[in-house]
């Protein structure tokens, strides 16, 4: 295990990432208090038990990743990831009915002009 100060992380994040890859865990310290952990995502214990899928699901739900990127993080093809989201009750398309109607009108106008 290794530790790094926040200011070191700001100045040279690649060094902390290399340390995480070598040591598996890096503790980020902020004023002598643990603030965060950097973990090597390729470790087998992280890959097991659905961690990539759970991480991708949370990141997509919170808007941190697009659908396609989240599917890659989850190590699933796009259709399987969309089905997974549906099973856990996370909408794939965000927006209101008014926005959808406006999009349909725009598409209809574009198709008519083509």
C-alpha atoms as a PDB file:
ATOM      1  CA  UNK A   1       0.000   0.000   0.000  1.00  0.00           C
ATOM      2  CA  UNK A   2       1.212   3.494  -0.810  1.00  0.00           C
ATOM      3  CA  UNK A   3       0.027   6.977   0.102  1.00  0.00           C
ATOM      4  CA  UNK A   4       0.072  10.238  -1.839  1.00  0.00           C
ATOM      5  CA  UNK A   5      -0.826  13.772  -0.801  1.00  0.00           C
ATOM      6  CA  UNK A   6      -3.565  15.611  -2.734  1.00  0.00           C
ATOM      7  CA  UNK A   7      -1.065  18.219  -3.935  1.00  0.00           C
ATOM      8  CA  UNK A   8       1.144  15.423  -5.338  1.00  0.00           C
ATOM      9  CA  UNK A   9      -1.878  13.972  -7.097  1.00  0.00           C
ATOM     10  CA  UNK A  10      -2.626  17.350  -8.682  1.00  0.00           C
ATOM     11  CA  UNK A  11       0.955  17.790  -9.865  1.00  0.00           C
ATOM     12  CA  UNK A  12       1.579  14.294 -11.180  1.00  0.00           C
ATOM     13  CA  UNK A  13      -1.508  12.060 -11.383  1.00  0.00           C
ATOM     14  CA  UNK A  14       0.219   9.550 -13.671  1.00  0.00           C
ATOM     15  CA  UNK A  15       2.697   8.688 -10.898  1.00  0.00           C
ATOM     16  CA  UNK A  16      -0.162   7.831  -8.521  1.00  0.00           C
ATOM     17  CA  UNK A  17      -1.808   5.709 -11.226  1.00  0.00           C
ATOM     18  CA  UNK A  18       1.446   3.814 -11.816  1.00  0.00           C
ATOM     19  CA  UNK A  19       1.707   3.215  -8.085  1.00  0.00           C
ATOM     20  CA  UNK A  20      -1.848   1.887  -8.034  1.00  0.00           C
ATOM     21  CA  UNK A  21      -0.988  -0.483 -10.874  1.00  0.00           C
ATOM     22  CA  UNK A  22       2.073  -1.751  -8.986  1.00  0.00           C
ATOM     23  CA  UNK A  23       0.896  -1.679  -5.380  1.00  0.00           C
ATOM     24  CA  UNK A  24      -2.827  -2.278  -6.001  1.00  0.00           C
ATOM     25  CA  UNK A  25      -3.949   0.370  -3.475  1.00  0.00           C
ATOM     26  CA  UNK A  26      -2.923   4.016  -3.100  1.00  0.00           C
ATOM     27  CA  UNK A  27      -4.375   6.085  -0.267  1.00  0.00           C
ATOM     28  CA  UNK A  28      -4.895   9.757  -1.157  1.00  0.00           C
ATOM     29  CA  UNK A  29      -4.199  11.890   1.889  1.00  0.00           C
ATOM     30  CA  UNK A  30      -5.616  15.366   2.475  1.00  0.00           C
ATOM     31  CA  UNK A  31      -3.956  17.175   5.394  1.00  0.00           C
ATOM     32  CA  UNK A  32      -2.862  13.928   7.015  1.00  0.00           C
ATOM     33  CA  UNK A  33      -6.325  12.364   6.736  1.00  0.00           C
ATOM     34  CA  UNK A  34      -7.261   9.612   4.277  1.00  0.00           C
ATOM     35  CA  UNK A  35      -9.479  11.117   1.602  1.00  0.00           C
ATOM     36  CA  UNK A  36      -9.736   8.547  -1.192  1.00  0.00           C
ATOM     37  CA  UNK A  37      -8.411   5.274  -2.538  1.00  0.00           C
ATOM     38  CA  UNK A  38      -6.962   4.523  -5.956  1.00  0.00           C
ATOM     39  CA  UNK A  39      -7.342   0.875  -6.897  1.00  0.00           C
ATOM     40  CA  UNK A  40      -5.907  -1.087  -9.785  1.00  0.00           C
ATOM     41  CA  UNK A  41      -9.036  -2.018 -11.705  1.00  0.00           C
ATOM     42  CA  UNK A  42      -7.341  -5.014 -13.326  1.00  0.00           C
ATOM     43  CA  UNK A  43      -7.058  -6.900 -10.046  1.00  0.00           C
ATOM     44  CA  UNK A  44      -9.040 -10.146 -10.075  1.00  0.00           C
ATOM     45  CA  UNK A  45     -10.884  -9.371  -6.823  1.00  0.00           C
ATOM     46  CA  UNK A  46     -12.277  -6.205  -8.407  1.00  0.00           C
ATOM     47  CA  UNK A  47     -13.276  -7.947 -11.629  1.00  0.00           C
ATOM     48  CA  UNK A  48     -15.240 -10.617  -9.795  1.00  0.00           C
ATOM     49  CA  UNK A  49     -18.633 -10.304  -8.174  1.00  0.00           C
ATOM     50  CA  UNK A  50     -20.052  -7.939 -10.793  1.00  0.00           C
ATOM     51  CA  UNK A  51     -17.944  -4.909  -9.863  1.00  0.00           C
ATOM     52  CA  UNK A  52     -17.460  -3.681 -13.474  1.00  0.00           C
ATOM     53  CA  UNK A  53     -21.199  -3.965 -14.150  1.00  0.00           C
ATOM     54  CA  UNK A  54     -22.144  -2.223 -10.901  1.00  0.00           C
ATOM     55  CA  UNK A  55     -19.632   0.553 -11.526  1.00  0.00           C
ATOM     56  CA  UNK A  56     -20.784   1.074 -15.110  1.00  0.00           C
ATOM     57  CA  UNK A  57     -24.440   1.060 -14.044  1.00  0.00           C
ATOM     58  CA  UNK A  58     -23.882   3.698 -11.367  1.00  0.00           C
ATOM     59  CA  UNK A  59     -21.783   5.883 -13.663  1.00  0.00           C
ATOM     60  CA  UNK A  60     -24.405   5.724 -16.426  1.00  0.00           C
ATOM     61  CA  UNK A  61     -27.285   6.371 -14.008  1.00  0.00           C
ATOM     62  CA  UNK A  62     -25.521   9.436 -12.587  1.00  0.00           C
ATOM     63  CA  UNK A  63     -24.567  10.798 -16.018  1.00  0.00           C
ATOM     64  CA  UNK A  64     -20.839  10.113 -15.696  1.00  0.00           C
ATOM     65  CA  UNK A  65     -20.658   7.820 -18.730  1.00  0.00           C
ATOM     66  CA  UNK A  66     -22.492   7.514 -22.014  1.00  0.00           C
ATOM     67  CA  UNK A  67     -24.415   4.341 -22.731  1.00  0.00           C
ATOM     68  CA  UNK A  68     -21.725   2.954 -25.053  1.00  0.00           C
ATOM     69  CA  UNK A  69     -18.853   3.721 -22.680  1.00  0.00           C
ATOM     70  CA  UNK A  70     -20.732   2.254 -19.735  1.00  0.00           C
ATOM     71  CA  UNK A  71     -21.319  -0.948 -21.721  1.00  0.00           C
ATOM     72  CA  UNK A  72     -17.558  -1.172 -22.364  1.00  0.00           C
ATOM     73  CA  UNK A  73     -16.769  -0.630 -18.663  1.00  0.00           C
ATOM     74  CA  UNK A  74     -19.292  -3.360 -17.815  1.00  0.00           C
ATOM     75  CA  UNK A  75     -17.573  -5.607 -20.369  1.00  0.00           C
ATOM     76  CA  UNK A  76     -20.918  -6.216 -22.087  1.00  0.00           C
ATOM     77  CA  UNK A  77     -22.158  -5.615 -25.585  1.00  0.00           C
ATOM     78  CA  UNK A  78     -24.528  -2.673 -25.950  1.00  0.00           C
ATOM     79  CA  UNK A  79     -27.731  -4.720 -26.222  1.00  0.00           C
ATOM     80  CA  UNK A  80     -26.930  -6.810 -23.140  1.00  0.00           C
ATOM     81  CA  UNK A  81     -26.098  -3.683 -21.134  1.00  0.00           C
ATOM     82  CA  UNK A  82     -29.348  -2.019 -22.232  1.00  0.00           C
ATOM     83  CA  UNK A  83     -31.254  -5.114 -21.112  1.00  0.00           C
ATOM     84  CA  UNK A  84     -29.409  -5.039 -17.787  1.00  0.00           C
ATOM     85  CA  UNK A  85     -30.394  -1.380 -17.272  1.00  0.00           C
ATOM     86  CA  UNK A  86     -33.987  -2.225 -18.066  1.00  0.00           C
ATOM     87  CA  UNK A  87     -33.972  -5.081 -15.524  1.00  0.00           C
ATOM     88  CA  UNK A  88     -32.678  -2.786 -12.770  1.00  0.00           C
ATOM     89  CA  UNK A  89     -35.150  -0.023 -13.642  1.00  0.00           C
ATOM     90  CA  UNK A  90     -32.767   2.582 -15.064  1.00  0.00           C
ATOM     91  CA  UNK A  91     -34.159   4.437 -18.076  1.00  0.00           C
ATOM     92  CA  UNK A  92     -31.917   4.367 -21.127  1.00  0.00           C
ATOM     93  CA  UNK A  93     -33.346   7.545 -22.629  1.00  0.00           C
ATOM     94  CA  UNK A  94     -33.576  10.628 -20.451  1.00  0.00           C
ATOM     95  CA  UNK A  95     -35.947  13.510 -21.084  1.00  0.00           C
ATOM     96  CA  UNK A  96     -39.538  14.586 -20.928  1.00  0.00           C
ATOM     97  CA  UNK A  97     -42.490  13.804 -23.186  1.00  0.00           C
ATOM     98  CA  UNK A  98     -42.360  17.380 -24.484  1.00  0.00           C
ATOM     99  CA  UNK A  99     -38.734  16.957 -25.541  1.00  0.00           C
ATOM    100  CA  UNK A 100     -39.581  13.690 -27.281  1.00  0.00           C
ATOM    101  CA  UNK A 101     -42.473  15.331 -29.159  1.00  0.00           C
ATOM    102  CA  UNK A 102     -40.209  18.197 -30.224  1.00  0.00           C
ATOM    103  CA  UNK A 103     -37.605  15.707 -31.472  1.00  0.00           C
ATOM    104  CA  UNK A 104     -40.269  13.825 -33.443  1.00  0.00           C
ATOM    105  CA  UNK A 105     -41.488  17.082 -35.024  1.00  0.00           C
ATOM    106  CA  UNK A 106     -37.928  18.012 -35.965  1.00  0.00           C
ATOM    107  CA  UNK A 107     -37.342  14.588 -37.478  1.00  0.00           C
ATOM    108  CA  UNK A 108     -40.616  14.741 -39.420  1.00  0.00           C
ATOM    109  CA  UNK A 109     -39.700  18.184 -40.803  1.00  0.00           C
ATOM    110  CA  UNK A 110     -36.251  16.955 -41.786  1.00  0.00           C
ATOM    111  CA  UNK A 111     -37.694  13.857 -43.500  1.00  0.00           C
ATOM    112  CA  UNK A 112     -40.235  16.011 -45.359  1.00  0.00           C
ATOM    113  CA  UNK A 113     -37.486  18.304 -46.680  1.00  0.00           C
ATOM    114  CA  UNK A 114     -35.324  15.414 -47.914  1.00  0.00           C
END
